[in-house]
Amino acid sequence: MLISFRSDHKEHLALLRNQSIQVLVDFCKLTIDYLNNGPNQKLYATAAEKLSVGPEIIQNSVYGLVNLLLLSCKHKLSETDFRDSVLTLGFSEEQEVILNKFYQSRKNEVTQILNQLNLKEPHFDDLEWRFELQVASRSLLHQVNPIVTMDLSLKTQKEDELDFEVEHHIIQTDVNNLAHICNELEKALHESRGRYCRKIQKSLMKL
């Protein structure tokens, strides 16, 4: 099968069609660095200076290779199908060999990540809570021991169905531990709003 490319995707790859094999290899390395560490503006600026183009063009070219890799892995392209898809973009046969090696070297890793994203994981549905306070006992006449009891409802989409299955989880914790959990969730939420996470999410939504 041949991949159907959007016009903006073709534009992002246009610069690479006119470059030497070594430059294409260098862009594959930039793409691997992006997958491992996120965008590196310093590297893009250096590459832009060498090729006499703007840094945003270098970055878009890297995004183009990322999208090419994601699409190829999503459709599980064979070497022949990948070759035909790349040649339709205007790459030479020598360039296709480089891109195919790049695809084969990262195919298993990216496919595994895409499979994990397709898993039907439980999602938050509802949360009910009750605050309990123990103020005394036979051994301790004066104490304050607050406990929070929560009924956490998680929903999971049933296999090949539109309905959801709801599970209830009863959780008890003290106030200090609850505050620690809230802080960790706030950190995770802040990280998910970062530039790198947003760009990864945007790339995946385009598939």
N, C-alpha and C. Protein backbone atom coordinates (compact mmCIF):
# COMPACT_ATOMS: atom_id res chain seq x y z
N MET A 1 0.85 -1.19 0.00
CA MET A 1 0.00 0.00 0.00
C MET A 1 0.88 1.24 0.00
N LEU A 2 0.34 2.33 -0.52
CA LEU A 2 1.04 3.61 -0.54
C LEU A 2 0.42 4.54 0.50
N ILE A 3 1.27 5.29 1.19
CA ILE A 3 0.77 6.26 2.16
C ILE A 3 0.31 7.51 1.42
N SER A 4 -0.80 8.06 1.88
CA SER A 4 -1.28 9.33 1.34
C SER A 4 -0.78 10.45 2.25
N PHE A 5 0.02 11.35 1.69
CA PHE A 5 0.63 12.43 2.47
C PHE A 5 -0.15 13.72 2.31
N ARG A 6 -0.29 14.46 3.40
CA ARG A 6 -0.91 15.78 3.34
C ARG A 6 0.05 16.77 2.69
N SER A 7 -0.49 17.87 2.22
CA SER A 7 0.34 18.86 1.52
C SER A 7 1.38 19.48 2.46
N ASP A 8 1.00 19.75 3.73
CA ASP A 8 1.96 20.34 4.64
C ASP A 8 3.07 19.36 5.00
N HIS A 9 2.73 18.07 5.04
CA HIS A 9 3.75 17.06 5.29
C HIS A 9 4.76 17.01 4.14
N LYS A 10 4.26 17.11 2.92
CA LYS A 10 5.15 17.13 1.76
C LYS A 10 6.06 18.35 1.78
N GLU A 11 5.52 19.49 2.21
CA GLU A 11 6.32 20.72 2.29
C GLU A 11 7.44 20.58 3.32
N HIS A 12 7.15 19.91 4.42
CA HIS A 12 8.16 19.73 5.47
C HIS A 12 9.31 18.84 5.00
N LEU A 13 9.03 17.95 4.06
CA LEU A 13 10.06 17.05 3.55
C LEU A 13 10.75 17.58 2.29
N ALA A 14 10.26 18.71 1.77
CA ALA A 14 10.76 19.22 0.49
C ALA A 14 12.25 19.54 0.54
N LEU A 15 12.70 20.12 1.65
CA LEU A 15 14.11 20.51 1.75
C LEU A 15 15.03 19.30 1.62
N LEU A 16 14.62 18.18 2.16
CA LEU A 16 15.49 17.00 2.21
C LEU A 16 15.69 16.36 0.84
N ARG A 17 14.74 16.56 -0.06
CA ARG A 17 14.84 15.93 -1.38
C ARG A 17 16.05 16.47 -2.17
N ASN A 18 16.47 17.68 -1.86
CA ASN A 18 17.55 18.31 -2.62
C ASN A 18 18.89 18.26 -1.91
N GLN A 19 18.98 17.46 -0.85
CA GLN A 19 20.21 17.40 -0.08
C GLN A 19 21.02 16.15 -0.40
N SER A 20 22.29 16.19 -0.03
CA SER A 20 23.17 15.04 -0.26
C SER A 20 22.82 13.91 0.70
N ILE A 21 23.39 12.75 0.44
CA ILE A 21 23.15 11.60 1.30
C ILE A 21 23.60 11.88 2.73
N GLN A 22 24.77 12.51 2.88
CA GLN A 22 25.29 12.79 4.21
C GLN A 22 24.38 13.73 4.98
N VAL A 23 23.84 14.74 4.30
CA VAL A 23 22.93 15.67 4.98
C VAL A 23 21.66 14.93 5.41
N LEU A 24 21.17 14.03 4.57
CA LEU A 24 19.99 13.25 4.93
C LEU A 24 20.27 12.36 6.14
N VAL A 25 21.45 11.78 6.19
CA VAL A 25 21.85 10.97 7.35
C VAL A 25 21.87 11.83 8.61
N ASP A 26 22.40 13.06 8.47
CA ASP A 26 22.44 13.97 9.62
C ASP A 26 21.03 14.32 10.10
N PHE A 27 20.09 14.47 9.18
CA PHE A 27 18.71 14.76 9.57
C PHE A 27 18.07 13.57 10.27
N CYS A 28 18.42 12.38 9.84
CA CYS A 28 17.92 11.18 10.54
C CYS A 28 18.44 11.15 11.98
N LYS A 29 19.68 11.57 12.17
CA LYS A 29 20.25 11.65 13.53
C LYS A 29 19.53 12.72 14.35
N LEU A 30 19.21 13.86 13.71
CA LEU A 30 18.45 14.91 14.40
C LEU A 30 17.08 14.40 14.82
N THR A 31 16.47 13.58 13.98
CA THR A 31 15.16 13.03 14.28
C THR A 31 15.23 12.05 15.45
N ILE A 32 16.27 11.23 15.48
CA ILE A 32 16.45 10.30 16.60
C ILE A 32 16.66 11.08 17.90
N ASP A 33 17.42 12.15 17.82
CA ASP A 33 17.64 13.00 18.99
C ASP A 33 16.33 13.62 19.45
N TYR A 34 15.47 14.03 18.50
CA TYR A 34 14.17 14.59 18.84
C TYR A 34 13.30 13.55 19.55
N LEU A 35 13.30 12.32 19.05
CA LEU A 35 12.50 11.26 19.66
C LEU A 35 12.96 10.94 21.07
N ASN A 36 14.25 11.06 21.30
CA ASN A 36 14.80 10.72 22.62
C ASN A 36 14.76 11.88 23.61
N ASN A 37 14.97 13.10 23.12
CA ASN A 37 15.17 14.23 24.02
C ASN A 37 14.28 15.44 23.75
N GLY A 38 13.49 15.39 22.68
CA GLY A 38 12.69 16.56 22.35
C GLY A 38 13.46 17.51 21.43
N PRO A 39 12.87 18.62 21.04
CA PRO A 39 13.52 19.55 20.10
C PRO A 39 14.76 20.18 20.70
N ASN A 40 15.76 20.39 19.85
CA ASN A 40 17.03 21.00 20.27
C ASN A 40 17.30 22.19 19.36
N GLN A 41 16.94 23.37 19.83
CA GLN A 41 17.04 24.57 19.00
C GLN A 41 18.49 24.90 18.64
N LYS A 42 19.41 24.55 19.50
CA LYS A 42 20.82 24.82 19.22
C LYS A 42 21.29 24.02 18.01
N LEU A 43 20.91 22.74 17.96
CA LEU A 43 21.29 21.91 16.81
C LEU A 43 20.61 22.41 15.54
N TYR A 44 19.35 22.84 15.65
CA TYR A 44 18.63 23.32 14.47
C TYR A 44 19.27 24.61 13.94
N ALA A 45 19.71 25.47 14.85
CA ALA A 45 20.35 26.71 14.42
C ALA A 45 21.67 26.43 13.70
N THR A 46 22.44 25.45 14.21
CA THR A 46 23.70 25.09 13.56
C THR A 46 23.45 24.53 12.16
N ALA A 47 22.46 23.63 12.04
CA ALA A 47 22.13 23.05 10.74
C ALA A 47 21.60 24.11 9.78
N ALA A 48 20.81 25.06 10.31
CA ALA A 48 20.25 26.12 9.47
C ALA A 48 21.36 27.00 8.90
N GLU A 49 22.38 27.27 9.70
CA GLU A 49 23.50 28.10 9.23
C GLU A 49 24.26 27.39 8.13
N LYS A 50 24.45 26.09 8.26
CA LYS A 50 25.19 25.34 7.24
C LYS A 50 24.43 25.29 5.92
N LEU A 51 23.09 25.20 6.00
CA LEU A 51 22.28 25.07 4.79
C LEU A 51 21.70 26.40 4.32
N SER A 52 22.01 27.47 5.05
CA SER A 52 21.54 28.83 4.69
C SER A 52 20.03 28.91 4.61
N VAL A 53 19.37 28.35 5.62
CA VAL A 53 17.91 28.43 5.73
C VAL A 53 17.57 28.81 7.16
N GLY A 54 16.29 29.08 7.41
CA GLY A 54 15.86 29.43 8.76
C GLY A 54 15.78 28.21 9.67
N PRO A 55 15.99 28.38 10.97
CA PRO A 55 15.91 27.27 11.92
C PRO A 55 14.55 26.58 11.91
N GLU A 56 13.48 27.37 11.64
CA GLU A 56 12.14 26.76 11.62
C GLU A 56 12.01 25.76 10.47
N ILE A 57 12.72 25.98 9.37
CA ILE A 57 12.68 25.04 8.25
C ILE A 57 13.37 23.73 8.64
N ILE A 58 14.47 23.84 9.37
CA ILE A 58 15.15 22.64 9.86
C ILE A 58 14.24 21.86 10.80
N GLN A 59 13.59 22.58 11.71
CA GLN A 59 12.71 21.92 12.67
C GLN A 59 11.53 21.27 11.97
N ASN A 60 10.95 21.94 10.98
CA ASN A 60 9.84 21.34 10.24
C ASN A 60 10.28 20.10 9.47
N SER A 61 11.51 20.11 8.98
CA SER A 61 12.03 18.92 8.28
C SER A 61 12.15 17.74 9.23
N VAL A 62 12.58 18.02 10.45
CA VAL A 62 12.64 16.97 11.47
C VAL A 62 11.23 16.45 11.78
N TYR A 63 10.28 17.37 11.92
CA TYR A 63 8.89 16.96 12.14
C TYR A 63 8.38 16.11 10.98
N GLY A 64 8.81 16.46 9.76
CA GLY A 64 8.39 15.68 8.60
C GLY A 64 8.88 14.25 8.67
N LEU A 65 10.13 14.06 9.10
CA LEU A 65 10.66 12.70 9.24
C LEU A 65 9.98 11.95 10.38
N VAL A 66 9.64 12.67 11.46
CA VAL A 66 8.92 12.04 12.57
C VAL A 66 7.56 11.53 12.09
N ASN A 67 6.85 12.37 11.34
CA ASN A 67 5.53 11.98 10.82
C ASN A 67 5.65 10.82 9.83
N LEU A 68 6.69 10.84 9.01
CA LEU A 68 6.91 9.75 8.07
C LEU A 68 7.12 8.44 8.82
N LEU A 69 7.89 8.50 9.89
CA LEU A 69 8.14 7.31 10.70
C LEU A 69 6.87 6.82 11.38
N LEU A 70 6.09 7.75 11.95
CA LEU A 70 4.86 7.37 12.65
C LEU A 70 3.83 6.77 11.69
N LEU A 71 3.66 7.39 10.54
CA LEU A 71 2.71 6.87 9.55
C LEU A 71 3.11 5.48 9.06
N SER A 72 4.40 5.30 8.80
CA SER A 72 4.88 4.02 8.29
C SER A 72 4.68 2.92 9.31
N CYS A 73 4.93 3.24 10.59
CA CYS A 73 4.75 2.25 11.65
C CYS A 73 3.27 1.97 11.89
N LYS A 74 2.45 3.02 11.81
CA LYS A 74 1.01 2.83 12.02
C LYS A 74 0.42 1.90 10.97
N HIS A 75 0.85 2.04 9.73
CA HIS A 75 0.32 1.20 8.64
C HIS A 75 1.15 -0.06 8.42
N LYS A 76 2.18 -0.25 9.26
CA LYS A 76 3.01 -1.46 9.22
C LYS A 76 3.52 -1.73 7.80
N LEU A 77 4.14 -0.72 7.23
CA LEU A 77 4.62 -0.83 5.86
C LEU A 77 5.77 -1.82 5.75
N SER A 78 5.71 -2.63 4.70
CA SER A 78 6.84 -3.49 4.38
C SER A 78 7.93 -2.64 3.74
N GLU A 79 9.10 -3.22 3.54
CA GLU A 79 10.18 -2.46 2.91
C GLU A 79 9.78 -2.00 1.51
N THR A 80 9.07 -2.85 0.78
CA THR A 80 8.64 -2.49 -0.57
C THR A 80 7.64 -1.35 -0.56
N ASP A 81 6.66 -1.43 0.35
CA ASP A 81 5.65 -0.37 0.43
C ASP A 81 6.27 0.94 0.89
N PHE A 82 7.21 0.85 1.83
CA PHE A 82 7.89 2.06 2.28
C PHE A 82 8.68 2.67 1.13
N ARG A 83 9.37 1.83 0.37
CA ARG A 83 10.16 2.31 -0.75
C ARG A 83 9.27 3.05 -1.76
N ASP A 84 8.14 2.44 -2.12
CA ASP A 84 7.26 3.05 -3.11
C ASP A 84 6.67 4.37 -2.59
N SER A 85 6.33 4.40 -1.28
CA SER A 85 5.76 5.62 -0.70
C SER A 85 6.77 6.76 -0.71
N VAL A 86 8.02 6.45 -0.37
CA VAL A 86 9.07 7.47 -0.32
C VAL A 86 9.41 7.98 -1.72
N LEU A 87 9.45 7.07 -2.69
CA LEU A 87 9.78 7.49 -4.06
C LEU A 87 8.71 8.39 -4.64
N THR A 88 7.46 8.22 -4.22
CA THR A 88 6.40 9.10 -4.71
C THR A 88 6.56 10.53 -4.19
N LEU A 89 7.34 10.69 -3.12
CA LEU A 89 7.60 12.03 -2.59
C LEU A 89 8.69 12.76 -3.35
N GLY A 90 9.36 12.06 -4.25
CA GLY A 90 10.40 12.69 -5.04
C GLY A 90 11.81 12.41 -4.56
N PHE A 91 11.97 11.54 -3.58
CA PHE A 91 13.31 11.17 -3.13
C PHE A 91 13.96 10.23 -4.15
N SER A 92 15.28 10.30 -4.22
CA SER A 92 16.01 9.41 -5.13
C SER A 92 16.11 8.01 -4.52
N GLU A 93 16.53 7.05 -5.32
CA GLU A 93 16.67 5.69 -4.82
C GLU A 93 17.74 5.60 -3.75
N GLU A 94 18.82 6.39 -3.88
CA GLU A 94 19.87 6.40 -2.87
C GLU A 94 19.34 6.98 -1.56
N GLN A 95 18.53 8.03 -1.65
CA GLN A 95 17.95 8.62 -0.45
C GLN A 95 16.95 7.66 0.19
N GLU A 96 16.22 6.94 -0.64
CA GLU A 96 15.25 5.97 -0.12
C GLU A 96 15.93 4.90 0.70
N VAL A 97 17.11 4.46 0.28
CA VAL A 97 17.86 3.43 1.03
C VAL A 97 18.17 3.94 2.44
N ILE A 98 18.60 5.19 2.54
CA ILE A 98 18.91 5.78 3.85
C ILE A 98 17.66 5.86 4.72
N LEU A 99 16.57 6.34 4.14
CA LEU A 99 15.32 6.47 4.89
C LEU A 99 14.78 5.11 5.31
N ASN A 100 14.96 4.11 4.45
CA ASN A 100 14.49 2.77 4.79
C ASN A 100 15.28 2.19 5.95
N LYS A 101 16.58 2.42 5.96
CA LYS A 101 17.40 1.97 7.09
C LYS A 101 16.96 2.66 8.38
N PHE A 102 16.66 3.95 8.27
CA PHE A 102 16.17 4.71 9.42
C PHE A 102 14.85 4.14 9.92
N TYR A 103 13.94 3.84 9.01
CA TYR A 103 12.64 3.27 9.36
C TYR A 103 12.80 1.90 10.03
N GLN A 104 13.62 1.05 9.45
CA GLN A 104 13.80 -0.29 10.00
C GLN A 104 14.44 -0.25 11.38
N SER A 105 15.34 0.70 11.62
CA SER A 105 16.03 0.77 12.90
C SER A 105 15.13 1.23 14.03
N ARG A 106 14.05 1.94 13.70
CA ARG A 106 13.17 2.48 14.73
C ARG A 106 11.77 1.87 14.71
N LYS A 107 11.52 0.98 13.77
CA LYS A 107 10.16 0.46 13.57
C LYS A 107 9.63 -0.25 14.81
N ASN A 108 10.39 -1.16 15.39
CA ASN A 108 9.91 -1.94 16.53
C ASN A 108 9.62 -1.04 17.73
N GLU A 109 10.51 -0.11 17.98
CA GLU A 109 10.34 0.79 19.13
C GLU A 109 9.09 1.66 19.00
N VAL A 110 8.91 2.27 17.82
CA VAL A 110 7.77 3.16 17.62
C VAL A 110 6.46 2.38 17.58
N THR A 111 6.48 1.19 16.96
CA THR A 111 5.28 0.36 16.90
C THR A 111 4.83 -0.04 18.30
N GLN A 112 5.77 -0.35 19.15
CA GLN A 112 5.44 -0.71 20.52
C GLN A 112 4.78 0.46 21.25
N ILE A 113 5.30 1.67 21.03
CA ILE A 113 4.70 2.85 21.66
C ILE A 113 3.29 3.09 21.14
N LEU A 114 3.10 2.94 19.83
CA LEU A 114 1.76 3.15 19.25
C LEU A 114 0.78 2.12 19.78
N ASN A 115 1.22 0.87 19.96
CA ASN A 115 0.35 -0.17 20.51
C ASN A 115 -0.07 0.16 21.94
N GLN A 116 0.85 0.71 22.71
CA GLN A 116 0.53 1.09 24.08
C GLN A 116 -0.48 2.23 24.11
N LEU A 117 -0.38 3.14 23.15
CA LEU A 117 -1.32 4.26 23.10
C LEU A 117 -2.72 3.79 22.73
N ASN A 118 -2.81 2.65 22.02
CA ASN A 118 -4.11 2.14 21.60
C ASN A 118 -4.78 1.27 22.66
N LEU A 119 -4.06 1.00 23.77
CA LEU A 119 -4.64 0.20 24.84
C LEU A 119 -5.81 0.95 25.48
N LYS A 120 -6.85 0.22 25.84
CA LYS A 120 -8.02 0.83 26.46
C LYS A 120 -7.82 0.85 27.97
N GLU A 121 -7.12 1.87 28.42
CA GLU A 121 -6.82 2.00 29.83
C GLU A 121 -8.02 2.60 30.57
N PRO A 122 -8.15 2.30 31.88
CA PRO A 122 -9.23 2.90 32.68
C PRO A 122 -9.10 4.41 32.73
N HIS A 123 -10.23 5.09 32.72
CA HIS A 123 -10.26 6.55 32.80
C HIS A 123 -11.09 6.98 34.01
N PHE A 124 -10.78 8.15 34.51
CA PHE A 124 -11.52 8.69 35.65
C PHE A 124 -12.99 8.88 35.30
N ASP A 125 -13.87 8.49 36.22
CA ASP A 125 -15.31 8.67 36.02
C ASP A 125 -15.92 9.54 37.11
N ASP A 126 -15.62 9.21 38.37
CA ASP A 126 -16.23 9.97 39.47
C ASP A 126 -15.41 9.72 40.74
N LEU A 127 -15.57 10.62 41.69
CA LEU A 127 -14.89 10.47 42.98
C LEU A 127 -15.80 10.98 44.08
N GLU A 128 -16.11 10.11 45.04
CA GLU A 128 -16.85 10.49 46.24
C GLU A 128 -15.93 10.33 47.44
N TRP A 129 -16.04 11.22 48.38
CA TRP A 129 -15.13 11.15 49.53
C TRP A 129 -15.86 11.48 50.83
N ARG A 130 -15.26 10.96 51.89
CA ARG A 130 -15.82 11.20 53.24
C ARG A 130 -14.65 11.47 54.19
N PHE A 131 -14.81 12.49 55.02
CA PHE A 131 -13.77 12.87 55.96
C PHE A 131 -14.13 12.33 57.34
N GLU A 132 -13.27 11.49 57.90
CA GLU A 132 -13.50 10.89 59.21
C GLU A 132 -12.45 11.40 60.19
N LEU A 133 -12.87 11.60 61.42
CA LEU A 133 -11.98 12.16 62.42
C LEU A 133 -12.12 11.41 63.73
N GLN A 134 -11.04 10.79 64.16
CA GLN A 134 -11.01 10.11 65.43
C GLN A 134 -10.40 11.06 66.46
N VAL A 135 -11.16 11.39 67.50
CA VAL A 135 -10.70 12.40 68.46
C VAL A 135 -10.25 11.81 69.79
N ALA A 136 -10.54 10.53 70.02
CA ALA A 136 -10.13 9.94 71.29
C ALA A 136 -10.23 8.42 71.21
N SER A 137 -9.47 7.76 72.07
CA SER A 137 -9.53 6.31 72.21
C SER A 137 -9.27 5.96 73.67
N ARG A 138 -9.34 4.69 74.02
CA ARG A 138 -9.11 4.31 75.41
C ARG A 138 -7.68 4.58 75.86
N SER A 139 -6.74 4.46 74.91
CA SER A 139 -5.34 4.68 75.28
C SER A 139 -4.92 6.14 75.13
N LEU A 140 -5.56 6.86 74.19
CA LEU A 140 -5.26 8.27 73.97
C LEU A 140 -6.56 9.06 74.06
N LEU A 141 -6.67 9.80 75.15
CA LEU A 141 -7.92 10.52 75.37
C LEU A 141 -8.01 11.80 74.55
N HIS A 142 -6.86 12.35 74.19
CA HIS A 142 -6.85 13.60 73.42
C HIS A 142 -5.97 13.40 72.17
N GLN A 143 -6.61 13.26 71.04
CA GLN A 143 -5.88 13.08 69.78
C GLN A 143 -6.75 13.54 68.63
N VAL A 144 -6.10 13.80 67.53
CA VAL A 144 -6.82 14.13 66.29
C VAL A 144 -6.20 13.28 65.18
N ASN A 145 -6.97 12.37 64.63
CA ASN A 145 -6.47 11.45 63.61
C ASN A 145 -7.40 11.48 62.40
N PRO A 146 -7.22 12.46 61.49
CA PRO A 146 -8.13 12.57 60.33
C PRO A 146 -7.80 11.53 59.25
N ILE A 147 -8.85 10.94 58.73
CA ILE A 147 -8.73 9.95 57.66
C ILE A 147 -9.71 10.32 56.54
N VAL A 148 -9.24 10.23 55.30
CA VAL A 148 -10.10 10.51 54.14
C VAL A 148 -10.40 9.18 53.44
N THR A 149 -11.67 8.87 53.31
CA THR A 149 -12.11 7.66 52.60
C THR A 149 -12.70 8.08 51.26
N MET A 150 -12.19 7.48 50.18
CA MET A 150 -12.62 7.86 48.84
C MET A 150 -13.15 6.66 48.07
N ASP A 151 -14.17 6.90 47.30
CA ASP A 151 -14.71 5.90 46.36
C ASP A 151 -14.36 6.39 44.96
N LEU A 152 -13.28 5.83 44.39
CA LEU A 152 -12.80 6.23 43.06
C LEU A 152 -13.42 5.34 42.00
N SER A 153 -14.15 5.94 41.06
CA SER A 153 -14.79 5.19 39.98
C SER A 153 -13.98 5.36 38.69
N LEU A 154 -13.60 4.24 38.11
CA LEU A 154 -12.88 4.24 36.85
C LEU A 154 -13.70 3.51 35.80
N LYS A 155 -13.70 4.06 34.57
CA LYS A 155 -14.46 3.43 33.50
C LYS A 155 -13.53 2.97 32.39
N THR A 156 -13.83 1.81 31.84
CA THR A 156 -13.04 1.22 30.75
C THR A 156 -13.98 0.84 29.62
N GLN A 157 -13.63 1.25 28.41
CA GLN A 157 -14.46 0.91 27.26
C GLN A 157 -14.38 -0.58 26.99
N LYS A 158 -15.54 -1.20 26.82
CA LYS A 158 -15.59 -2.63 26.55
C LYS A 158 -15.05 -2.93 25.15
N GLU A 159 -14.53 -4.11 24.98
CA GLU A 159 -13.94 -4.50 23.71
C GLU A 159 -14.99 -4.49 22.61
N ASP A 160 -14.71 -3.72 21.53
CA ASP A 160 -15.59 -3.64 20.36
C ASP A 160 -17.00 -3.18 20.72
N GLU A 161 -17.14 -2.38 21.79
CA GLU A 161 -18.44 -1.87 22.18
C GLU A 161 -18.34 -0.40 22.50
N LEU A 162 -19.50 0.26 22.53
CA LEU A 162 -19.54 1.67 22.89
C LEU A 162 -19.77 1.87 24.37
N ASP A 163 -20.22 0.82 25.06
CA ASP A 163 -20.50 0.92 26.49
C ASP A 163 -19.21 0.90 27.30
N PHE A 164 -19.34 1.36 28.56
CA PHE A 164 -18.20 1.39 29.47
C PHE A 164 -18.48 0.52 30.68
N GLU A 165 -17.44 -0.09 31.17
CA GLU A 165 -17.53 -0.86 32.40
C GLU A 165 -16.93 -0.03 33.52
N VAL A 166 -17.67 0.14 34.62
CA VAL A 166 -17.25 1.00 35.73
C VAL A 166 -16.80 0.14 36.90
N GLU A 167 -15.63 0.45 37.43
CA GLU A 167 -15.10 -0.24 38.61
C GLU A 167 -14.95 0.77 39.75
N HIS A 168 -15.27 0.32 40.97
CA HIS A 168 -15.16 1.17 42.15
C HIS A 168 -13.96 0.72 42.99
N HIS A 169 -13.17 1.68 43.43
CA HIS A 169 -12.01 1.40 44.25
C HIS A 169 -12.11 2.23 45.53
N ILE A 170 -12.17 1.54 46.67
CA ILE A 170 -12.25 2.21 47.96
C ILE A 170 -10.83 2.44 48.47
N ILE A 171 -10.53 3.71 48.75
CA ILE A 171 -9.18 4.10 49.17
C ILE A 171 -9.27 4.90 50.46
N GLN A 172 -8.38 4.58 51.41
CA GLN A 172 -8.27 5.35 52.64
C GLN A 172 -6.86 5.90 52.78
N THR A 173 -6.74 7.14 53.19
CA THR A 173 -5.43 7.74 53.35
C THR A 173 -5.48 8.85 54.38
N ASP A 174 -4.32 9.17 54.93
CA ASP A 174 -4.27 10.30 55.86
C ASP A 174 -4.06 11.59 55.08
N VAL A 175 -4.15 12.70 55.76
CA VAL A 175 -4.10 14.00 55.10
C VAL A 175 -2.73 14.27 54.48
N ASN A 176 -1.66 13.91 55.17
CA ASN A 176 -0.31 14.15 54.65
C ASN A 176 -0.06 13.39 53.35
N ASN A 177 -0.47 12.13 53.32
CA ASN A 177 -0.28 11.33 52.11
C ASN A 177 -1.15 11.86 50.96
N LEU A 178 -2.35 12.31 51.28
CA LEU A 178 -3.24 12.88 50.27
C LEU A 178 -2.63 14.15 49.68
N ALA A 179 -2.01 14.97 50.53
CA ALA A 179 -1.35 16.19 50.04
C ALA A 179 -0.19 15.84 49.12
N HIS A 180 0.56 14.79 49.47
CA HIS A 180 1.68 14.36 48.62
C HIS A 180 1.16 13.88 47.25
N ILE A 181 0.07 13.12 47.25
CA ILE A 181 -0.51 12.64 45.99
C ILE A 181 -0.95 13.83 45.12
N CYS A 182 -1.57 14.81 45.76
CA CYS A 182 -2.02 16.00 45.00
C CYS A 182 -0.84 16.75 44.39
N ASN A 183 0.25 16.85 45.13
CA ASN A 183 1.44 17.54 44.61
C ASN A 183 2.02 16.81 43.41
N GLU A 184 2.09 15.47 43.48
CA GLU A 184 2.63 14.69 42.37
C GLU A 184 1.74 14.80 41.13
N LEU A 185 0.41 14.81 41.34
CA LEU A 185 -0.50 14.96 40.21
C LEU A 185 -0.38 16.34 39.58
N GLU A 186 -0.17 17.36 40.41
CA GLU A 186 0.03 18.71 39.89
C GLU A 186 1.30 18.78 39.04
N LYS A 187 2.36 18.11 39.46
CA LYS A 187 3.60 18.09 38.69
C LYS A 187 3.39 17.40 37.35
N ALA A 188 2.66 16.27 37.36
CA ALA A 188 2.40 15.54 36.12
C ALA A 188 1.54 16.37 35.17
N LEU A 189 0.55 17.08 35.73
CA LEU A 189 -0.31 17.93 34.91
C LEU A 189 0.49 19.07 34.30
N HIS A 190 1.38 19.67 35.08
CA HIS A 190 2.22 20.76 34.57
C HIS A 190 3.14 20.26 33.46
N GLU A 191 3.70 19.06 33.62
CA GLU A 191 4.59 18.51 32.59
C GLU A 191 3.82 18.20 31.31
N SER A 192 2.58 17.73 31.44
CA SER A 192 1.79 17.41 30.25
C SER A 192 1.44 18.64 29.43
N ARG A 193 1.50 19.81 30.06
CA ARG A 193 1.20 21.06 29.36
C ARG A 193 2.45 21.69 28.74
N GLY A 194 3.59 21.03 28.90
CA GLY A 194 4.83 21.55 28.36
C GLY A 194 4.88 21.50 26.85
N ARG A 195 5.80 22.26 26.28
CA ARG A 195 5.90 22.37 24.82
C ARG A 195 6.20 21.02 24.18
N TYR A 196 7.10 20.24 24.78
CA TYR A 196 7.49 18.96 24.19
C TYR A 196 6.31 17.99 24.15
N CYS A 197 5.57 17.89 25.25
CA CYS A 197 4.41 16.99 25.29
C CYS A 197 3.34 17.42 24.30
N ARG A 198 3.13 18.74 24.18
CA ARG A 198 2.12 19.22 23.24
C ARG A 198 2.49 18.89 21.80
N LYS A 199 3.76 18.97 21.47
CA LYS A 199 4.19 18.68 20.11
C LYS A 199 4.05 17.18 19.80
N ILE A 200 4.37 16.33 20.79
CA ILE A 200 4.18 14.89 20.61
C ILE A 200 2.71 14.57 20.41
N GLN A 201 1.84 15.15 21.25
CA GLN A 201 0.41 14.92 21.12
C GLN A 201 -0.11 15.40 19.77
N LYS A 202 0.39 16.55 19.30
CA LYS A 202 -0.05 17.10 18.01
C LYS A 202 0.36 16.17 16.88
N SER A 203 1.55 15.61 16.97
CA SER A 203 2.03 14.69 15.92
C SER A 203 1.16 13.44 15.88
N LEU A 204 0.80 12.92 17.06
CA LEU A 204 0.00 11.70 17.11
C LEU A 204 -1.43 11.95 16.64
N MET A 205 -1.96 13.12 16.94
CA MET A 205 -3.33 13.44 16.51
C MET A 205 -3.45 13.56 15.00
N LYS A 206 -2.34 13.82 14.32
CA LYS A 206 -2.38 13.97 12.88
C LYS A 206 -2.41 12.63 12.15
N LEU A 207 -2.18 11.53 12.90
CA LEU A 207 -2.14 10.20 12.24
C LEU A 207 -3.53 9.77 11.81
